[in-house]
Amino acid sequence: MAQAMASMAALEGSLHLSGSNRLITVPSTRQRLASPRLGLAIRAQQAPAEAETSRRAVLGLVAAGLASGSLVQAVLAEVKPIAVGPPPPPSGGLPGTLNSDEPRDLDLPYKERFYLQPLPPTQAAQRAKESAKDILNVKEFINKKAWPYAQNDLRLKAGYLRYDLNTVIAAKPKDEKKSLKELTGKLFQDISNLDHAVKIKSAPEAEKYYAKAVSTLNDVLAKLG
C-alpha cells in the first residue's frame, strides 16, 4: 500500500513536471509565432512612411517649378523691346574714298573693306591734302596734353599721307620726282621726331617739332599744286 502510494506520488510529480514544462514551452512557442507577425506589422507601417516622403518630395519639386516659372514670367514682363531701325546712311570719309563705310559693306572683298584703296594721282593728291589738314589739327591735342589722342591721330594720318604722296611721286616726271621725294623724306623725319616728342610727353619738344613738320608740310603741299 505504501509502495502504491509512493508510485502514485511519483507519477503525479512527473505529470506535474511535464505539465510545467509544457506550460513553459507553450509561451515560448507563442512568442516565436508572434514575432514574425510583429515584423510584418512593422514593415506594413514603414511602407506608408516611405510613400509619404516620396509624395512630399514630388510636391516640393512641383512647388519649386511653379515658383521658378513665375519668376521667369516676371522677368520677361519687365523686358522692354528695343526698336531697331534701318542702318545709318553712308557717312563717307576722306575725299575719293568711303573708308568709314567700307568695313560694313559685306558685298565688298575683305581687302577692299579694311585697306586704304589706291587712287589716281589727282585724287590721291586731294586726299593727301585732307590728311595734311588732320595732321595740323593734332596741335589741339598737344595743347591739351592729350598725348594718346595726339599720337594716334598723328600716326594714322601720316600713314594716309605717305601712301598718297608715294602715288603722286610715282606719277611725276623724272626731274620733279627727285626733289619731291627728298622733301617728302624730310617731312616724315620731322613727323617722326614729333611722334617721339608726343610719346615721351614732352610739351617743349612737341611744340618744336610740330612747327618744323608744319613748315615742311606746307612746302610739300605747294609742290602738289
C-alpha atoms as a PDB file:
ATOM      1  CA  MET A   1       0.000   0.000   0.000  1.00  0.00           C
ATOM      2  CA  ALA A   2       2.791   2.292   0.842  1.00  0.00           C
ATOM      3  CA  GLN A   3       4.545   1.371  -2.349  1.00  0.00           C
ATOM      4  CA  ALA A   4       1.391   2.026  -4.335  1.00  0.00           C
ATOM      5  CA  MET A   5       1.009   5.448  -2.783  1.00  0.00           C
ATOM      6  CA  ALA A   6       4.662   6.250  -3.447  1.00  0.00           C
ATOM      7  CA  SER A   7       4.249   5.277  -7.054  1.00  0.00           C
ATOM      8  CA  MET A   8       1.195   7.465  -7.430  1.00  0.00           C
ATOM      9  CA  ALA A   9       3.037  10.394  -5.860  1.00  0.00           C
ATOM     10  CA  ALA A  10       5.943   9.928  -8.211  1.00  0.00           C
ATOM     11  CA  LEU A  11       3.552   9.731 -11.152  1.00  0.00           C
ATOM     12  CA  GLU A  12       1.829  12.936 -10.095  1.00  0.00           C
ATOM     13  CA  GLY A  13       5.207  14.628  -9.711  1.00  0.00           C
ATOM     14  CA  SER A  14       6.292  13.588 -13.143  1.00  0.00           C
ATOM     15  CA  LEU A  15       2.984  14.690 -14.569  1.00  0.00           C
ATOM     16  CA  HIS A  16       3.344  17.988 -12.764  1.00  0.00           C
ATOM     17  CA  LEU A  17       6.846  18.477 -14.113  1.00  0.00           C
ATOM     18  CA  SER A  18       5.836  17.558 -17.617  1.00  0.00           C
ATOM     19  CA  GLY A  19       2.843  19.824 -17.344  1.00  0.00           C
ATOM     20  CA  SER A  20       5.037  22.639 -16.112  1.00  0.00           C
ATOM     21  CA  ASN A  21       7.394  22.028 -18.969  1.00  0.00           C
ATOM     22  CA  ARG A  22       4.506  22.222 -21.387  1.00  0.00           C
ATOM     23  CA  LEU A  23       3.382  25.414 -19.744  1.00  0.00           C
ATOM     24  CA  ILE A  24       6.891  26.873 -20.165  1.00  0.00           C
ATOM     25  CA  THR A  25       7.265  25.769 -23.728  1.00  0.00           C
ATOM     26  CA  VAL A  26       3.859  26.980 -24.829  1.00  0.00           C
ATOM     27  CA  PRO A  27       4.606  30.672 -24.180  1.00  0.00           C
ATOM     28  CA  SER A  28       7.933  30.345 -25.926  1.00  0.00           C
ATOM     29  CA  THR A  29       6.214  28.815 -28.934  1.00  0.00           C
ATOM     30  CA  ARG A  30       3.677  31.615 -28.958  1.00  0.00           C
ATOM     31  CA  GLN A  31       6.491  34.156 -28.812  1.00  0.00           C
ATOM     32  CA  ARG A  32       8.174  32.570 -31.793  1.00  0.00           C
ATOM     33  CA  LEU A  33       4.927  32.580 -33.693  1.00  0.00           C
ATOM     34  CA  ALA A  34       4.112  36.142 -32.708  1.00  0.00           C
ATOM     35  CA  SER A  35       7.483  37.606 -33.584  1.00  0.00           C
ATOM     36  CA  PRO A  36       7.009  37.123 -37.346  1.00  0.00           C
ATOM     37  CA  ARG A  37       3.629  38.774 -37.034  1.00  0.00           C
ATOM     38  CA  LEU A  38       5.286  41.690 -35.228  1.00  0.00           C
ATOM     39  CA  GLY A  39       7.828  42.039 -38.039  1.00  0.00           C
ATOM     40  CA  LEU A  40       5.089  42.018 -40.616  1.00  0.00           C
ATOM     41  CA  ALA A  41       3.280  44.705 -38.710  1.00  0.00           C
ATOM     42  CA  ILE A  42       6.433  46.889 -38.624  1.00  0.00           C
ATOM     43  CA  ARG A  43       7.013  46.515 -42.326  1.00  0.00           C
ATOM     44  CA  ALA A  44       3.410  47.330 -43.027  1.00  0.00           C
ATOM     45  CA  GLN A  45       3.832  50.534 -41.023  1.00  0.00           C
ATOM     46  CA  GLN A  46       7.065  51.556 -42.819  1.00  0.00           C
ATOM     47  CA  ALA A  47       5.558  51.458 -46.305  1.00  0.00           C
ATOM     48  CA  PRO A  48       3.158  54.416 -45.791  1.00  0.00           C
ATOM     49  CA  ALA A  49       6.036  56.488 -44.330  1.00  0.00           C
ATOM     50  CA  GLU A  50       8.131  55.997 -47.480  1.00  0.00           C
ATOM     51  CA  ALA A  51       5.167  56.840 -49.672  1.00  0.00           C
ATOM     52  CA  GLU A  52       4.567  59.998 -47.657  1.00  0.00           C
ATOM     53  CA  THR A  53       8.215  61.042 -48.074  1.00  0.00           C
ATOM     54  CA  SER A  54       8.060  60.487 -51.837  1.00  0.00           C
ATOM     55  CA  ARG A  55       4.823  62.450 -52.035  1.00  0.00           C
ATOM     56  CA  ARG A  56       6.356  65.364 -50.165  1.00  0.00           C
ATOM     57  CA  ALA A  57       9.416  65.333 -52.444  1.00  0.00           C
ATOM     58  CA  VAL A  58       7.216  65.446 -55.544  1.00  0.00           C
ATOM     59  CA  LEU A  59       5.139  68.280 -54.107  1.00  0.00           C
ATOM     60  CA  GLY A  60       8.339  70.167 -53.293  1.00  0.00           C
ATOM     61  CA  LEU A  61       9.610  69.825 -56.870  1.00  0.00           C
ATOM     62  CA  VAL A  62       6.276  70.961 -58.269  1.00  0.00           C
ATOM     63  CA  ALA A  63       6.262  73.996 -55.966  1.00  0.00           C
ATOM     64  CA  ALA A  64       9.837  74.878 -56.959  1.00  0.00           C
ATOM     65  CA  GLY A  65       8.935  74.587 -60.631  1.00  0.00           C
ATOM     66  CA  LEU A  66       5.932  76.853 -60.228  1.00  0.00           C
ATOM     67  CA  ALA A  67       7.985  79.415 -58.319  1.00  0.00           C
ATOM     68  CA  SER A  68      10.745  79.483 -60.959  1.00  0.00           C
ATOM     69  CA  GLY A  69       8.162  79.756 -63.729  1.00  0.00           C
ATOM     70  CA  SER A  70       6.570  82.725 -62.010  1.00  0.00           C
ATOM     71  CA  LEU A  71       9.978  84.373 -61.587  1.00  0.00           C
ATOM     72  CA  VAL A  72      10.811  83.931 -65.273  1.00  0.00           C
ATOM     73  CA  GLN A  73       7.468  85.387 -66.277  1.00  0.00           C
ATOM     74  CA  ALA A  74       8.040  88.380 -64.013  1.00  0.00           C
ATOM     75  CA  VAL A  75      11.480  88.989 -65.519  1.00  0.00           C
ATOM     76  CA  LEU A  76      10.198  88.667 -69.071  1.00  0.00           C
ATOM     77  CA  ALA A  77       7.386  91.049 -68.274  1.00  0.00           C
ATOM     78  CA  GLU A  78       9.924  93.724 -67.291  1.00  0.00           C
ATOM     79  CA  VAL A  79      11.967  93.372 -70.510  1.00  0.00           C
ATOM     80  CA  LYS A  80      11.331  96.264 -72.856  1.00  0.00           C
ATOM     81  CA  PRO A  81      11.738  95.748 -76.600  1.00  0.00           C
ATOM     82  CA  ILE A  82      14.346  97.835 -78.405  1.00  0.00           C
ATOM     83  CA  ALA A  83      13.315  99.353 -81.680  1.00  0.00           C
ATOM     84  CA  VAL A  84      15.893  98.612 -84.379  1.00  0.00           C
ATOM     85  CA  GLY A  85      15.763 100.930 -87.315  1.00  0.00           C
ATOM     86  CA  PRO A  86      17.480 100.825 -90.690  1.00  0.00           C
ATOM     87  CA  PRO A  87      21.271 101.221 -90.934  1.00  0.00           C
ATOM     88  CA  PRO A  88      22.569 104.788 -90.868  1.00  0.00           C
ATOM     89  CA  PRO A  89      23.228 106.463 -94.196  1.00  0.00           C
ATOM     90  CA  PRO A  90      26.791 106.368 -95.566  1.00  0.00           C
ATOM     91  CA  SER A  91      28.921 108.973 -93.831  1.00  0.00           C
ATOM     92  CA  GLY A  92      31.674 108.990 -96.410  1.00  0.00           C
ATOM     93  CA  GLY A  93      35.249 109.511 -95.319  1.00  0.00           C
ATOM     94  CA  LEU A  94      38.287 111.046 -96.914  1.00  0.00           C
ATOM     95  CA  PRO A  95      37.617 112.535-100.376  1.00  0.00           C
ATOM     96  CA  GLY A  96      37.711 109.883-103.034  1.00  0.00           C
ATOM     97  CA  THR A  97      37.004 107.003-100.704  1.00  0.00           C
ATOM     98  CA  LEU A  98      34.365 105.556 -98.412  1.00  0.00           C
ATOM     99  CA  ASN A  99      36.736 104.400 -95.691  1.00  0.00           C
ATOM    100  CA  SER A 100      34.261 104.709 -92.845  1.00  0.00           C
ATOM    101  CA  ASP A 101      31.544 102.783 -94.707  1.00  0.00           C
ATOM    102  CA  GLU A 102      33.510 100.083 -96.492  1.00  0.00           C
ATOM    103  CA  PRO A 103      34.083  97.869 -93.414  1.00  0.00           C
ATOM    104  CA  ARG A 104      30.346  97.260 -93.010  1.00  0.00           C
ATOM    105  CA  ASP A 105      29.722  96.669 -96.710  1.00  0.00           C
ATOM    106  CA  LEU A 106      29.700  92.873 -96.787  1.00  0.00           C
ATOM    107  CA  ASP A 107      29.421  92.793-100.574  1.00  0.00           C
ATOM    108  CA  LEU A 108      32.973  94.130-100.957  1.00  0.00           C
ATOM    109  CA  PRO A 109      36.031  91.862-100.781  1.00  0.00           C
ATOM    110  CA  TYR A 110      37.872  91.766 -97.459  1.00  0.00           C
ATOM    111  CA  LYS A 111      40.888  93.645 -98.857  1.00  0.00           C
ATOM    112  CA  GLU A 112      38.735  96.496-100.099  1.00  0.00           C
ATOM    113  CA  ARG A 113      36.859  96.765 -96.815  1.00  0.00           C
ATOM    114  CA  PHE A 114      39.827  97.081 -94.453  1.00  0.00           C
ATOM    115  CA  TYR A 115      42.638  98.598 -96.517  1.00  0.00           C
ATOM    116  CA  LEU A 116      43.215 102.074 -97.906  1.00  0.00           C
ATOM    117  CA  GLN A 117      42.347 101.953-101.566  1.00  0.00           C
ATOM    118  CA  PRO A 118      44.699 103.294-104.243  1.00  0.00           C
ATOM    119  CA  LEU A 119      43.506 106.314-106.195  1.00  0.00           C
ATOM    120  CA  PRO A 120      44.595 108.056-109.398  1.00  0.00           C
ATOM    121  CA  PRO A 121      47.342 110.681-108.852  1.00  0.00           C
ATOM    122  CA  THR A 122      44.946 113.647-108.952  1.00  0.00           C
ATOM    123  CA  GLN A 123      42.568 112.155-106.393  1.00  0.00           C
ATOM    124  CA  ALA A 124      45.496 110.906-104.304  1.00  0.00           C
ATOM    125  CA  ALA A 125      46.854 114.479-104.142  1.00  0.00           C
ATOM    126  CA  GLN A 126      43.452 115.697-102.940  1.00  0.00           C
ATOM    127  CA  ARG A 127      43.274 113.031-100.272  1.00  0.00           C
ATOM    128  CA  ALA A 128      46.836 113.893 -99.199  1.00  0.00           C
ATOM    129  CA  LYS A 129      45.746 117.496 -98.599  1.00  0.00           C
ATOM    130  CA  GLU A 130      42.902 116.282 -96.381  1.00  0.00           C
ATOM    131  CA  SER A 131      45.340 114.149 -94.400  1.00  0.00           C
ATOM    132  CA  ALA A 132      47.645 117.165 -94.036  1.00  0.00           C
ATOM    133  CA  LYS A 133      44.770 119.178 -92.509  1.00  0.00           C
ATOM    134  CA  ASP A 134      44.184 116.401 -89.978  1.00  0.00           C
ATOM    135  CA  ILE A 135      47.870 116.430 -89.051  1.00  0.00           C
ATOM    136  CA  LEU A 136      47.652 120.170 -88.425  1.00  0.00           C
ATOM    137  CA  ASN A 137      44.707 119.545 -86.078  1.00  0.00           C
ATOM    138  CA  VAL A 138      46.964 117.457 -83.815  1.00  0.00           C
ATOM    139  CA  LYS A 139      48.059 120.805 -82.291  1.00  0.00           C
ATOM    140  CA  GLU A 140      44.808 120.884 -80.314  1.00  0.00           C
ATOM    141  CA  PHE A 141      45.695 117.620 -78.535  1.00  0.00           C
ATOM    142  CA  ILE A 142      49.240 118.827 -77.899  1.00  0.00           C
ATOM    143  CA  ASN A 143      47.939 121.988 -76.241  1.00  0.00           C
ATOM    144  CA  LYS A 144      45.653 119.903 -74.013  1.00  0.00           C
ATOM    145  CA  LYS A 145      48.470 117.399 -73.381  1.00  0.00           C
ATOM    146  CA  ALA A 146      46.168 114.637 -74.553  1.00  0.00           C
ATOM    147  CA  TRP A 147      49.163 112.572 -75.630  1.00  0.00           C
ATOM    148  CA  PRO A 148      47.443 109.295 -76.613  1.00  0.00           C
ATOM    149  CA  TYR A 149      44.994 111.125 -78.884  1.00  0.00           C
ATOM    150  CA  ALA A 150      47.763 113.188 -80.449  1.00  0.00           C
ATOM    151  CA  GLN A 151      49.886 110.120 -81.133  1.00  0.00           C
ATOM    152  CA  ASN A 152      47.037 108.045 -82.567  1.00  0.00           C
ATOM    153  CA  ASP A 153      45.852 110.787 -84.924  1.00  0.00           C
ATOM    154  CA  LEU A 154      49.381 111.664 -85.991  1.00  0.00           C
ATOM    155  CA  ARG A 155      50.297 108.097 -86.872  1.00  0.00           C
ATOM    156  CA  LEU A 156      47.012 107.379 -88.648  1.00  0.00           C
ATOM    157  CA  LYS A 157      47.025 110.484 -90.836  1.00  0.00           C
ATOM    158  CA  ALA A 158      50.750 110.239 -91.513  1.00  0.00           C
ATOM    159  CA  GLY A 159      50.151 106.738 -92.868  1.00  0.00           C
ATOM    160  CA  TYR A 160      47.476 108.033 -95.235  1.00  0.00           C
ATOM    161  CA  LEU A 161      49.697 110.922 -96.284  1.00  0.00           C
ATOM    162  CA  ARG A 162      52.685 108.692 -97.017  1.00  0.00           C
ATOM    163  CA  TYR A 163      50.553 106.328 -99.103  1.00  0.00           C
ATOM    164  CA  ASP A 164      49.094 109.090-101.286  1.00  0.00           C
ATOM    165  CA  LEU A 165      52.370 111.017-101.634  1.00  0.00           C
ATOM    166  CA  ASN A 166      54.035 107.878-102.972  1.00  0.00           C
ATOM    167  CA  THR A 167      51.257 107.630-105.582  1.00  0.00           C
ATOM    168  CA  VAL A 168      51.746 111.269-106.585  1.00  0.00           C
ATOM    169  CA  ILE A 169      55.557 110.994-106.708  1.00  0.00           C
ATOM    170  CA  ALA A 170      55.360 107.884-108.895  1.00  0.00           C
ATOM    171  CA  ALA A 171      53.309 109.824-111.466  1.00  0.00           C
ATOM    172  CA  LYS A 172      55.617 112.875-111.532  1.00  0.00           C
ATOM    173  CA  PRO A 173      58.162 113.460-114.290  1.00  0.00           C
ATOM    174  CA  LYS A 174      61.705 112.353-113.554  1.00  0.00           C
ATOM    175  CA  ASP A 175      63.060 115.872-112.993  1.00  0.00           C
ATOM    176  CA  GLU A 176      60.344 116.663-110.408  1.00  0.00           C
ATOM    177  CA  LYS A 177      60.318 113.253-108.774  1.00  0.00           C
ATOM    178  CA  LYS A 178      63.729 113.529-107.068  1.00  0.00           C
ATOM    179  CA  SER A 179      63.168 116.904-105.360  1.00  0.00           C
ATOM    180  CA  LEU A 180      59.686 115.957-104.199  1.00  0.00           C
ATOM    181  CA  LYS A 181      60.956 112.658-102.871  1.00  0.00           C
ATOM    182  CA  GLU A 182      63.702 114.390-100.857  1.00  0.00           C
ATOM    183  CA  LEU A 183      61.257 116.918 -99.471  1.00  0.00           C
ATOM    184  CA  THR A 184      58.829 114.139 -98.539  1.00  0.00           C
ATOM    185  CA  GLY A 185      61.638 112.302 -96.726  1.00  0.00           C
ATOM    186  CA  LYS A 186      62.370 115.435 -94.676  1.00  0.00           C
ATOM    187  CA  LEU A 187      58.675 115.793 -93.878  1.00  0.00           C
ATOM    188  CA  PHE A 188      58.358 112.307 -92.446  1.00  0.00           C
ATOM    189  CA  GLN A 189      61.557 112.742 -90.457  1.00  0.00           C
ATOM    190  CA  ASP A 190      60.018 115.811 -88.833  1.00  0.00           C
ATOM    191  CA  ILE A 191      56.796 113.875 -88.216  1.00  0.00           C
ATOM    192  CA  SER A 192      58.809 111.036 -86.668  1.00  0.00           C
ATOM    193  CA  ASN A 193      60.524 113.491 -84.328  1.00  0.00           C
ATOM    194  CA  LEU A 194      57.141 114.927 -83.403  1.00  0.00           C
ATOM    195  CA  ASP A 195      55.822 111.436 -82.724  1.00  0.00           C
ATOM    196  CA  HIS A 196      58.741 110.769 -80.367  1.00  0.00           C
ATOM    197  CA  ALA A 197      58.148 114.038 -78.512  1.00  0.00           C
ATOM    198  CA  VAL A 198      54.491 113.101 -78.053  1.00  0.00           C
ATOM    199  CA  LYS A 199      55.490 109.613 -76.935  1.00  0.00           C
ATOM    200  CA  ILE A 200      57.743 110.933 -74.148  1.00  0.00           C
ATOM    201  CA  LYS A 201      55.086 113.562 -73.315  1.00  0.00           C
ATOM    202  CA  SER A 202      57.433 116.486 -73.711  1.00  0.00           C
ATOM    203  CA  ALA A 203      55.494 119.657 -74.439  1.00  0.00           C
ATOM    204  CA  PRO A 204      58.558 121.769 -75.456  1.00  0.00           C
ATOM    205  CA  GLU A 205      59.823 119.075 -77.845  1.00  0.00           C
ATOM    206  CA  ALA A 206      56.332 118.588 -79.269  1.00  0.00           C
ATOM    207  CA  GLU A 207      55.983 122.331 -79.926  1.00  0.00           C
ATOM    208  CA  LYS A 208      59.410 122.442 -81.585  1.00  0.00           C
ATOM    209  CA  TYR A 209      58.924 119.535 -83.967  1.00  0.00           C
ATOM    210  CA  TYR A 210      55.308 120.419 -84.677  1.00  0.00           C
ATOM    211  CA  ALA A 211      56.462 123.783 -86.047  1.00  0.00           C
ATOM    212  CA  LYS A 212      59.111 122.064 -88.199  1.00  0.00           C
ATOM    213  CA  ALA A 213      56.626 119.492 -89.501  1.00  0.00           C
ATOM    214  CA  VAL A 214      54.118 122.199 -90.424  1.00  0.00           C
ATOM    215  CA  SER A 215      56.753 124.187 -92.340  1.00  0.00           C
ATOM    216  CA  THR A 216      57.891 121.154 -94.333  1.00  0.00           C
ATOM    217  CA  LEU A 217      54.326 120.042 -94.904  1.00  0.00           C
ATOM    218  CA  ASN A 218      53.429 123.387 -96.457  1.00  0.00           C
ATOM    219  CA  ASP A 219      56.396 123.034 -98.836  1.00  0.00           C
ATOM    220  CA  VAL A 220      55.211 119.597 -99.899  1.00  0.00           C
ATOM    221  CA  LEU A 221      51.647 120.763-100.452  1.00  0.00           C
ATOM    222  CA  ALA A 222      52.880 123.657-102.568  1.00  0.00           C
ATOM    223  CA  LYS A 223      54.558 121.181-104.920  1.00  0.00           C
ATOM    224  CA  LEU A 224      51.420 119.093-105.215  1.00  0.00           C
ATOM    225  CA  GLY A 225      49.643 122.009-106.909  1.00  0.00           C
END
